[in-house]
Amino acid sequence: MELSRPAVLKGTTAIPAGTVIAGDMKPGLTQAQTGDARYDLLLKGGEVIDPGEGRRGQFDVAFVGDKVAAIGPGIDPSLAKQVERVAGVMVVPGVIDMHVHAADGIGPSCNPDVIGVNRGVTTILDAGTCGVGSYPVLKYVVAANKTRVLAMLNISSMGLIDLRAGELILMNLVDIEEAVDIAKKNPGLIVGFKGRLSTYVTGQAPGIPILKRLLEAGRKANLPVMIHVGDTVEPLGKILEMLRPGDICSHYLTPRRNGILGSQAFPGAKLIPEIFEARKRGVILDIARGRLHMGFPQMQATIEAGLLPDTISTDLVSPSVSIPEANVFSIATALMSFGVPVEECVKELTLNPARAMRHPELGKLEEGGIGDATLLKIEEGDFTVSDVDGRTRKTERRVVAVGIVRAGSYMNIAPPPKA
């Protein structure tokens, strides 16, 4: 039965039949269905964990376009065009993998979306795939993919075009002024400089002369540097002493020669004192697992000493894409197996890498902010995690990505198979 309208009061204007006014929608229709939606997407009923904003609790998160529009309890789902009900799921800021190789088409690089949004990662940092000779490729990569891509510029002009040739064997390929000029001209893309100091990159030459030139570039451009360590000529302590606050030591858990447990890393070895001094000074300690550079003895020693990583990252290259352990959530699961809280892992995947890259607008959920989020779930079961040398650990909990929001668009993610 159609409800009749009240009589029009004397002196007022009659409203034509069929006109929709505020508070007068047709029965059974939501505001979204009548075209009056306030939000494009609503994540309903999840547990928000946001270290950057100091927020944890059951909150809904709404998006308009590519921005976060509202965060709060009990947002009316009728106000959204698309509603994803995420009860039992952790909603965290868009996850960042701060060390990958994703200059698709150059050397061992991966496709950014394959290792990014398809895995629950909204932002990746290409860690020195390109030098000044190939950095323009990154502009095409950025435009062709949904995943946000930032980059460290390799101090060698050849970059990683072919891993069979160490890019720092020929020092005439290192032109500091040219690298600084390119970085200054591309501030939206290049966030620092990268140098690999291992003997297989330097041709068995010492790494400290290279590090001095790397730091010179950092000073002239006012940008941080990232170093790759593990199997260096010099002890790691001597290298760490040269790093400035905000510089990044990648592979700090490497079990290769000259790591944090000393030159040989014998059982029961103590952590080198320089690693503690570097942390106090503000040097960023980045895992960057890769295929060679994350050992469980090193991880255990640092956790027991309270020296947690600043950032969790993968160092993914095309040969390691298929390795189940080579993803940020498997690394987080390994840390959790040693007792690291999931909240700390979230911080190492969001807030900390955003700060390290000097992009504070990332790594947090705030009204009016960037519309990126990752949806995580803790699964219970019988799982195995491993390090790069084949050591394994059993764990009853793992963290997996089950969904992602990138620039306001939602996508489901299938959890990985049980290891």
Protein backbone atom coordinates (compact mmCIF):
# COMPACT_ATOMS: atom_id res chain seq x y z
CA MET A 1 0.00 0.00 0.00
CA GLU A 2 1.39 3.43 -0.93
CA LEU A 3 1.67 5.84 1.93
CA SER A 4 -0.08 9.16 1.38
CA ARG A 5 1.74 12.43 1.88
CA PRO A 6 0.63 14.87 4.55
CA ALA A 7 -1.51 17.72 3.31
CA VAL A 8 0.41 20.78 2.15
CA LEU A 9 0.19 23.55 4.69
CA LYS A 10 -1.33 26.79 3.62
CA GLY A 11 1.30 29.17 2.27
CA THR A 12 3.80 26.48 1.27
CA THR A 13 4.72 25.12 -2.19
CA ALA A 14 3.55 21.66 -3.17
CA ILE A 15 6.30 19.14 -4.03
CA PRO A 16 5.77 17.28 -7.30
CA ALA A 17 5.03 13.58 -6.93
CA GLY A 18 8.10 11.36 -7.29
CA THR A 19 10.60 13.94 -6.01
CA VAL A 20 13.16 12.42 -3.60
CA ILE A 21 14.14 14.65 -0.71
CA ALA A 22 16.52 14.09 2.21
CA GLY A 23 15.11 11.48 4.56
CA ASP A 24 12.47 10.48 2.01
CA MET A 25 14.01 7.53 0.13
CA LYS A 26 11.81 4.82 -1.29
CA PRO A 27 11.23 1.97 1.18
CA GLY A 28 13.93 -0.75 0.98
CA LEU A 29 16.49 1.36 -0.88
CA THR A 30 19.75 2.58 0.62
CA GLN A 31 21.30 5.93 -0.07
CA ALA A 32 23.92 4.17 -2.17
CA GLN A 33 21.22 2.58 -4.33
CA THR A 34 19.53 5.89 -4.96
CA GLY A 35 22.78 7.47 -6.07
CA ASP A 36 23.36 9.41 -2.85
CA ALA A 37 26.33 7.35 -1.59
CA ARG A 38 28.78 9.22 0.57
CA TYR A 39 31.57 6.64 0.19
CA ASP A 40 32.90 4.52 -2.66
CA LEU A 41 34.21 1.71 -0.45
CA LEU A 42 33.67 0.71 3.17
CA LEU A 43 35.72 -1.85 5.10
CA LYS A 44 33.27 -2.92 7.78
CA GLY A 45 34.05 -4.57 11.12
CA GLY A 46 37.81 -5.07 10.94
CA GLU A 47 40.44 -4.48 13.61
CA VAL A 48 42.48 -1.45 12.64
CA ILE A 49 46.15 -1.56 13.67
CA ASP A 50 47.90 1.68 12.77
CA PRO A 51 51.17 2.38 14.61
CA GLY A 52 51.59 5.70 12.80
CA GLU A 53 48.37 7.09 14.23
CA GLY A 54 48.53 5.16 17.50
CA ARG A 55 45.21 3.53 16.70
CA ARG A 56 44.11 -0.01 17.48
CA GLY A 57 40.55 -1.26 17.79
CA GLN A 58 37.47 -2.22 15.86
CA PHE A 59 36.91 0.59 13.39
CA ASP A 60 35.34 0.89 9.97
CA VAL A 61 37.37 2.55 7.22
CA ALA A 62 35.68 4.39 4.35
CA PHE A 63 37.21 5.59 1.10
CA VAL A 64 36.26 8.16 -1.51
CA GLY A 65 38.26 8.01 -4.70
CA ASP A 66 41.89 7.35 -3.81
CA LYS A 67 41.66 8.82 -0.30
CA VAL A 68 40.60 7.66 3.15
CA ALA A 69 37.36 9.51 3.90
CA ALA A 70 36.42 8.35 7.41
CA ILE A 71 37.63 6.05 10.20
CA GLY A 72 35.39 5.20 13.11
CA PRO A 73 33.06 2.68 14.70
CA GLY A 74 29.65 2.00 13.29
CA ILE A 75 29.82 3.72 9.90
CA ASP A 76 26.46 3.15 8.20
CA PRO A 77 26.98 0.63 5.36
CA SER A 78 24.04 2.12 3.47
CA LEU A 79 26.25 5.14 2.78
CA ALA A 80 28.73 3.15 0.65
CA LYS A 81 28.59 1.89 -2.91
CA GLN A 82 30.75 -1.13 -2.04
CA VAL A 83 30.89 -2.77 1.38
CA GLU A 84 33.51 -5.38 2.31
CA ARG A 85 32.75 -7.06 5.62
CA VAL A 86 36.09 -7.86 7.22
CA ALA A 87 35.28 -9.07 10.73
CA GLY A 88 38.15 -11.12 12.13
CA VAL A 89 40.65 -9.37 9.86
CA MET A 90 43.36 -6.83 10.72
CA VAL A 91 43.19 -3.64 8.63
CA VAL A 92 46.62 -2.02 8.51
CA PRO A 93 48.11 0.81 6.45
CA GLY A 94 49.28 -0.20 3.00
CA VAL A 95 52.25 -2.54 3.47
CA ILE A 96 55.64 -1.44 2.11
CA ASP A 97 58.39 -3.77 0.88
CA MET A 98 61.44 -1.55 1.17
CA HIS A 99 63.90 -3.70 -0.78
CA VAL A 100 62.96 -5.34 -4.08
CA HIS A 101 64.14 -5.34 -7.68
CA ALA A 102 61.21 -4.37 -9.85
CA ALA A 103 62.51 -2.35 -12.79
CA ASP A 104 60.65 -4.78 -15.03
CA GLY A 105 62.79 -5.52 -18.09
CA ILE A 106 66.17 -4.79 -16.48
CA GLY A 107 68.36 -7.70 -15.38
CA PRO A 108 66.76 -9.91 -12.69
CA SER A 109 63.82 -7.60 -12.03
CA CYS A 110 60.27 -8.65 -11.21
CA ASN A 111 56.98 -7.20 -12.34
CA PRO A 112 55.88 -4.71 -9.65
CA ASP A 113 52.28 -5.94 -9.45
CA VAL A 114 53.29 -9.61 -9.23
CA ILE A 115 55.34 -8.87 -6.09
CA GLY A 116 53.26 -5.88 -5.00
CA VAL A 117 49.47 -5.59 -4.98
CA ASN A 118 48.99 -9.26 -5.89
CA ARG A 119 50.75 -10.14 -2.61
CA GLY A 120 49.22 -7.49 -0.36
CA VAL A 121 51.96 -4.88 -0.77
CA THR A 122 50.90 -1.40 -1.89
CA THR A 123 54.35 0.25 -2.17
CA ILE A 124 57.73 -1.15 -3.17
CA LEU A 125 61.19 0.38 -3.15
CA ASP A 126 63.41 -0.73 -6.00
CA ALA A 127 66.80 -1.05 -4.33
CA GLY A 128 69.32 -0.03 -6.93
CA THR A 129 68.37 -2.04 -10.00
CA CYS A 130 68.99 1.04 -12.14
CA GLY A 131 71.88 3.43 -12.33
CA VAL A 132 71.96 6.62 -14.35
CA GLY A 133 72.24 4.55 -17.53
CA SER A 134 68.85 2.89 -17.13
CA TYR A 135 66.78 4.84 -14.59
CA PRO A 136 64.34 6.17 -17.28
CA VAL A 137 62.92 2.63 -17.47
CA LEU A 138 61.42 3.18 -14.03
CA LYS A 139 59.13 5.90 -15.35
CA TYR A 140 57.48 3.41 -17.70
CA VAL A 141 57.28 0.79 -14.97
CA VAL A 142 55.55 3.22 -12.61
CA ALA A 143 52.98 4.16 -15.25
CA ALA A 144 52.21 0.56 -16.22
CA ASN A 145 51.50 -0.86 -12.74
CA LYS A 146 49.09 -0.36 -9.87
CA THR A 147 51.75 -0.85 -7.20
CA ARG A 148 53.47 2.37 -6.11
CA VAL A 149 57.16 2.26 -7.06
CA LEU A 150 59.96 4.36 -5.55
CA ALA A 151 63.65 3.79 -6.14
CA MET A 152 67.17 3.90 -4.82
CA LEU A 153 69.60 4.89 -7.60
CA ASN A 154 72.55 2.53 -7.99
CA ILE A 155 75.83 4.38 -7.55
CA SER A 156 77.12 2.50 -10.62
CA SER A 157 75.73 3.73 -13.91
CA MET A 158 75.21 0.12 -15.15
CA GLY A 159 73.16 -0.97 -12.14
CA LEU A 160 72.08 -4.62 -12.12
CA ILE A 161 71.66 -5.12 -15.84
CA ASP A 162 73.53 -8.46 -15.59
CA LEU A 163 74.31 -10.11 -12.24
CA ARG A 164 77.24 -11.99 -13.78
CA ALA A 165 79.13 -8.70 -13.93
CA GLY A 166 79.77 -6.95 -10.60
CA GLU A 167 78.69 -3.36 -11.21
CA LEU A 168 81.41 -1.93 -8.95
CA ILE A 169 84.39 -3.66 -10.51
CA LEU A 170 84.79 -0.81 -13.00
CA MET A 171 85.00 2.33 -10.88
CA ASN A 172 84.90 4.58 -13.96
CA LEU A 173 81.17 3.75 -14.00
CA VAL A 174 80.74 5.66 -10.72
CA ASP A 175 80.08 9.34 -11.46
CA ILE A 176 78.92 11.06 -8.28
CA GLU A 177 77.99 14.39 -9.86
CA GLU A 178 75.90 12.70 -12.53
CA ALA A 179 74.09 10.52 -9.99
CA VAL A 180 73.35 13.51 -7.75
CA ASP A 181 72.04 15.49 -10.71
CA ILE A 182 69.65 12.70 -11.73
CA ALA A 183 68.39 12.30 -8.15
CA LYS A 184 67.70 16.02 -7.80
CA LYS A 185 65.79 16.06 -11.08
CA ASN A 186 63.58 13.12 -10.05
CA PRO A 187 62.56 13.76 -6.41
CA GLY A 188 59.23 12.00 -6.79
CA LEU A 189 60.92 8.77 -7.83
CA ILE A 190 64.44 8.57 -6.37
CA VAL A 191 64.68 8.55 -2.57
CA GLY A 192 68.37 7.72 -2.10
CA PHE A 193 71.45 5.88 -3.41
CA LYS A 194 72.39 2.19 -3.29
CA GLY A 195 75.77 0.48 -3.16
CA ARG A 196 76.48 -3.24 -2.93
CA LEU A 197 79.69 -3.81 -0.97
CA SER A 198 80.04 -7.60 -1.23
CA THR A 199 83.17 -9.08 -2.81
CA TYR A 200 81.18 -10.61 -5.68
CA VAL A 201 80.16 -7.06 -6.64
CA THR A 202 83.48 -5.28 -6.08
CA GLY A 203 85.71 -7.95 -7.67
CA GLN A 204 87.22 -8.84 -4.26
CA ALA A 205 88.18 -5.18 -3.74
CA PRO A 206 87.57 -3.41 -0.40
CA GLY A 207 84.13 -1.85 0.05
CA ILE A 208 85.00 1.20 2.15
CA PRO A 209 86.38 3.29 -0.75
CA ILE A 210 83.06 2.67 -2.53
CA LEU A 211 81.12 3.53 0.60
CA LYS A 212 82.94 6.86 0.84
CA ARG A 213 81.78 7.79 -2.65
CA LEU A 214 78.27 6.58 -1.90
CA LEU A 215 78.12 8.78 1.19
CA GLU A 216 79.44 11.70 -0.83
CA ALA A 217 76.47 11.36 -3.16
CA GLY A 218 74.11 11.17 -0.18
CA ARG A 219 75.52 14.35 1.34
CA LYS A 220 75.40 16.30 -1.92
CA ALA A 221 71.80 15.30 -2.64
CA ASN A 222 70.71 15.36 1.03
CA LEU A 223 69.43 11.79 0.69
CA PRO A 224 70.04 8.55 2.60
CA VAL A 225 72.14 5.71 1.26
CA MET A 226 71.42 1.99 1.37
CA ILE A 227 74.26 -0.52 1.61
CA HIS A 228 74.20 -4.22 0.76
CA VAL A 229 76.41 -6.23 3.14
CA GLY A 230 77.35 -9.88 3.56
CA ASP A 231 80.68 -11.30 2.39
CA THR A 232 82.41 -7.92 2.50
CA VAL A 233 86.19 -7.55 2.62
CA GLU A 234 86.02 -5.38 5.74
CA PRO A 235 84.39 -6.39 9.01
CA LEU A 236 80.83 -5.09 9.23
CA GLY A 237 81.69 -2.98 12.27
CA LYS A 238 84.05 -0.77 10.26
CA ILE A 239 81.37 -0.25 7.65
CA LEU A 240 78.63 0.54 10.16
CA GLU A 241 80.79 3.17 11.86
CA MET A 242 80.62 5.26 8.69
CA LEU A 243 76.85 5.32 8.29
CA ARG A 244 74.84 8.40 9.22
CA PRO A 245 71.43 8.62 10.91
CA GLY A 246 68.83 7.56 8.36
CA ASP A 247 71.22 5.50 6.23
CA ILE A 248 70.09 1.92 5.65
CA CYS A 249 72.02 -1.28 6.29
CA SER A 250 70.32 -3.99 4.24
CA HIS A 251 70.88 -7.71 4.92
CA TYR A 252 71.86 -7.01 8.52
CA LEU A 253 70.86 -10.59 9.43
CA THR A 254 73.14 -12.10 6.77
CA PRO A 255 74.85 -15.38 7.70
CA ARG A 256 77.56 -14.68 5.15
CA ARG A 257 81.11 -13.69 6.09
CA ASN A 258 81.65 -10.51 8.14
CA GLY A 259 78.15 -10.22 9.59
CA ILE A 260 76.75 -9.16 12.96
CA LEU A 261 78.16 -12.26 14.72
CA GLY A 262 81.70 -11.51 13.57
CA SER A 263 83.81 -12.71 10.70
CA GLN A 264 83.03 -16.43 11.10
CA ALA A 265 79.71 -16.44 13.01
CA PHE A 266 80.68 -19.45 15.13
CA PRO A 267 78.05 -20.92 17.49
CA GLY A 268 77.59 -18.77 20.57
CA ALA A 269 79.29 -15.73 19.02
CA LYS A 270 78.37 -12.34 20.46
CA LEU A 271 76.84 -9.53 18.46
CA ILE A 272 79.39 -6.98 17.33
CA PRO A 273 79.19 -3.80 19.46
CA GLU A 274 78.99 -1.56 16.38
CA ILE A 275 75.50 -2.85 15.57
CA PHE A 276 74.18 -1.42 18.85
CA GLU A 277 75.99 1.86 18.28
CA ALA A 278 74.54 2.09 14.77
CA ARG A 279 71.01 1.60 16.12
CA LYS A 280 71.54 4.33 18.73
CA ARG A 281 72.81 6.65 16.02
CA GLY A 282 69.69 6.15 13.90
CA VAL A 283 70.96 3.76 11.23
CA ILE A 284 68.08 1.75 9.72
CA LEU A 285 68.44 -2.04 10.05
CA ASP A 286 66.68 -3.74 7.13
CA ILE A 287 66.21 -7.52 6.81
CA ALA A 288 66.13 -7.88 2.98
CA ARG A 289 66.01 -11.68 3.08
CA GLY A 290 66.92 -12.39 -0.54
CA ARG A 291 68.32 -15.81 -1.40
CA LEU A 292 71.42 -15.50 0.82
CA HIS A 293 70.94 -13.01 3.61
CA MET A 294 68.64 -14.02 6.48
CA GLY A 295 69.91 -16.49 9.05
CA PHE A 296 67.98 -17.75 12.06
CA PRO A 297 71.04 -17.65 14.39
CA GLN A 298 71.41 -13.95 13.58
CA MET A 299 67.68 -13.35 13.99
CA GLN A 300 67.61 -15.13 17.35
CA ALA A 301 70.67 -13.26 18.65
CA THR A 302 69.24 -9.86 17.75
CA ILE A 303 65.78 -10.57 19.16
CA GLU A 304 67.25 -11.85 22.42
CA ALA A 305 69.32 -8.66 22.60
CA GLY A 306 66.28 -6.46 21.90
CA LEU A 307 67.70 -5.40 18.54
CA LEU A 308 64.59 -5.84 16.39
CA PRO A 309 64.70 -4.95 12.71
CA ASP A 310 63.52 -1.52 11.66
CA THR A 311 62.10 -2.82 8.39
CA ILE A 312 61.00 -6.15 6.95
CA SER A 313 61.81 -6.58 3.25
CA THR A 314 62.37 -9.33 0.71
CA ASP A 315 65.08 -8.34 -1.83
CA LEU A 316 62.96 -10.13 -4.41
CA VAL A 317 64.44 -10.85 -7.83
CA SER A 318 62.90 -12.95 -10.59
CA PRO A 319 64.56 -16.25 -9.52
CA SER A 320 63.15 -15.93 -5.98
CA VAL A 321 59.54 -15.01 -6.79
CA SER A 322 58.48 -18.65 -6.50
CA ILE A 323 60.20 -19.21 -3.13
CA PRO A 324 57.36 -19.35 -0.54
CA GLU A 325 59.51 -17.84 2.23
CA ALA A 326 60.50 -14.87 0.09
CA ASN A 327 57.61 -12.61 1.00
CA VAL A 328 57.22 -10.05 3.76
CA PHE A 329 54.51 -11.96 5.59
CA SER A 330 56.54 -15.16 5.79
CA ILE A 331 59.41 -13.10 7.23
CA ALA A 332 56.98 -11.57 9.73
CA THR A 333 55.83 -15.09 10.63
CA ALA A 334 59.47 -16.08 11.26
CA LEU A 335 59.89 -13.11 13.59
CA MET A 336 56.66 -14.04 15.39
CA SER A 337 58.01 -17.58 15.89
CA PHE A 338 60.78 -15.98 17.99
CA GLY A 339 58.21 -14.07 20.06
CA VAL A 340 58.00 -10.75 18.19
CA PRO A 341 54.42 -9.37 18.52
CA VAL A 342 52.39 -8.96 15.36
CA GLU A 343 51.93 -5.26 16.21
CA GLU A 344 55.71 -4.80 15.98
CA CYS A 345 55.77 -6.57 12.62
CA VAL A 346 53.05 -4.23 11.34
CA LYS A 347 55.19 -1.27 12.38
CA GLU A 348 58.17 -2.73 10.50
CA LEU A 349 55.98 -3.09 7.39
CA THR A 350 54.28 0.31 7.42
CA LEU A 351 55.40 3.21 9.60
CA ASN A 352 59.12 2.47 9.71
CA PRO A 353 59.73 2.03 5.96
CA ALA A 354 57.63 5.12 5.21
CA ARG A 355 59.89 7.14 7.50
CA ALA A 356 63.05 5.54 6.11
CA MET A 357 62.02 6.53 2.58
CA ARG A 358 61.14 10.03 3.80
CA HIS A 359 57.55 9.61 2.65
CA PRO A 360 55.60 10.19 5.88
CA GLU A 361 52.31 10.33 3.98
CA LEU A 362 52.63 6.55 3.53
CA GLY A 363 52.47 3.91 6.23
CA LYS A 364 49.40 5.25 8.04
CA LEU A 365 45.63 5.49 7.82
CA GLU A 366 44.25 8.98 8.29
CA GLU A 367 41.18 10.84 7.12
CA GLY A 368 42.10 12.68 3.94
CA GLY A 369 45.23 10.56 3.56
CA ILE A 370 46.31 8.10 0.91
CA GLY A 371 43.73 5.37 0.30
CA ASP A 372 46.02 2.34 0.75
CA ALA A 373 45.39 -0.50 3.20
CA THR A 374 46.35 -4.15 3.60
CA LEU A 375 44.07 -6.76 5.18
CA LEU A 376 45.87 -9.37 7.27
CA LYS A 377 44.77 -12.47 9.10
CA ILE A 378 46.43 -14.67 11.71
CA GLU A 379 45.96 -18.32 10.80
CA GLU A 380 46.27 -21.13 13.32
CA GLY A 381 47.79 -24.45 12.28
CA ASP A 382 50.99 -26.37 11.76
CA PHE A 383 53.41 -24.23 9.73
CA THR A 384 57.12 -24.24 8.90
CA VAL A 385 59.37 -21.24 8.23
CA SER A 386 62.96 -21.41 7.00
CA ASP A 387 66.06 -19.26 6.62
CA VAL A 388 68.31 -18.97 3.58
CA ASP A 389 70.55 -21.84 4.69
CA GLY A 390 67.72 -24.34 5.09
CA ARG A 391 67.23 -24.11 8.85
CA THR A 392 63.56 -24.59 9.74
CA ARG A 393 61.27 -23.68 12.59
CA LYS A 394 57.79 -24.94 13.42
CA THR A 395 55.13 -22.44 14.34
CA GLU A 396 51.41 -22.61 15.10
CA ARG A 397 50.60 -19.13 13.82
CA ARG A 398 51.25 -17.35 10.57
CA VAL A 399 50.23 -13.99 9.19
CA VAL A 400 48.84 -13.82 5.66
CA ALA A 401 47.40 -11.12 3.44
CA VAL A 402 43.76 -11.67 2.46
CA GLY A 403 42.93 -8.36 0.78
CA ILE A 404 44.28 -5.00 -0.31
CA VAL A 405 43.08 -1.49 -0.99
CA ARG A 406 45.26 0.43 -3.41
CA ALA A 407 44.23 4.01 -4.22
CA GLY A 408 40.72 3.26 -2.97
CA SER A 409 40.22 0.07 -5.03
CA TYR A 410 39.70 -3.25 -3.25
CA MET A 411 41.04 -6.67 -4.27
CA ASN A 412 40.87 -10.07 -2.56
CA ILE A 413 44.08 -12.05 -2.14
CA ALA A 414 44.23 -15.83 -1.92
CA PRO A 415 46.29 -16.96 1.09
CA PRO A 416 49.47 -18.91 0.24
CA PRO A 417 49.41 -22.72 0.48
CA LYS A 418 50.39 -24.26 3.78
CA ALA A 419 54.18 -24.69 3.96
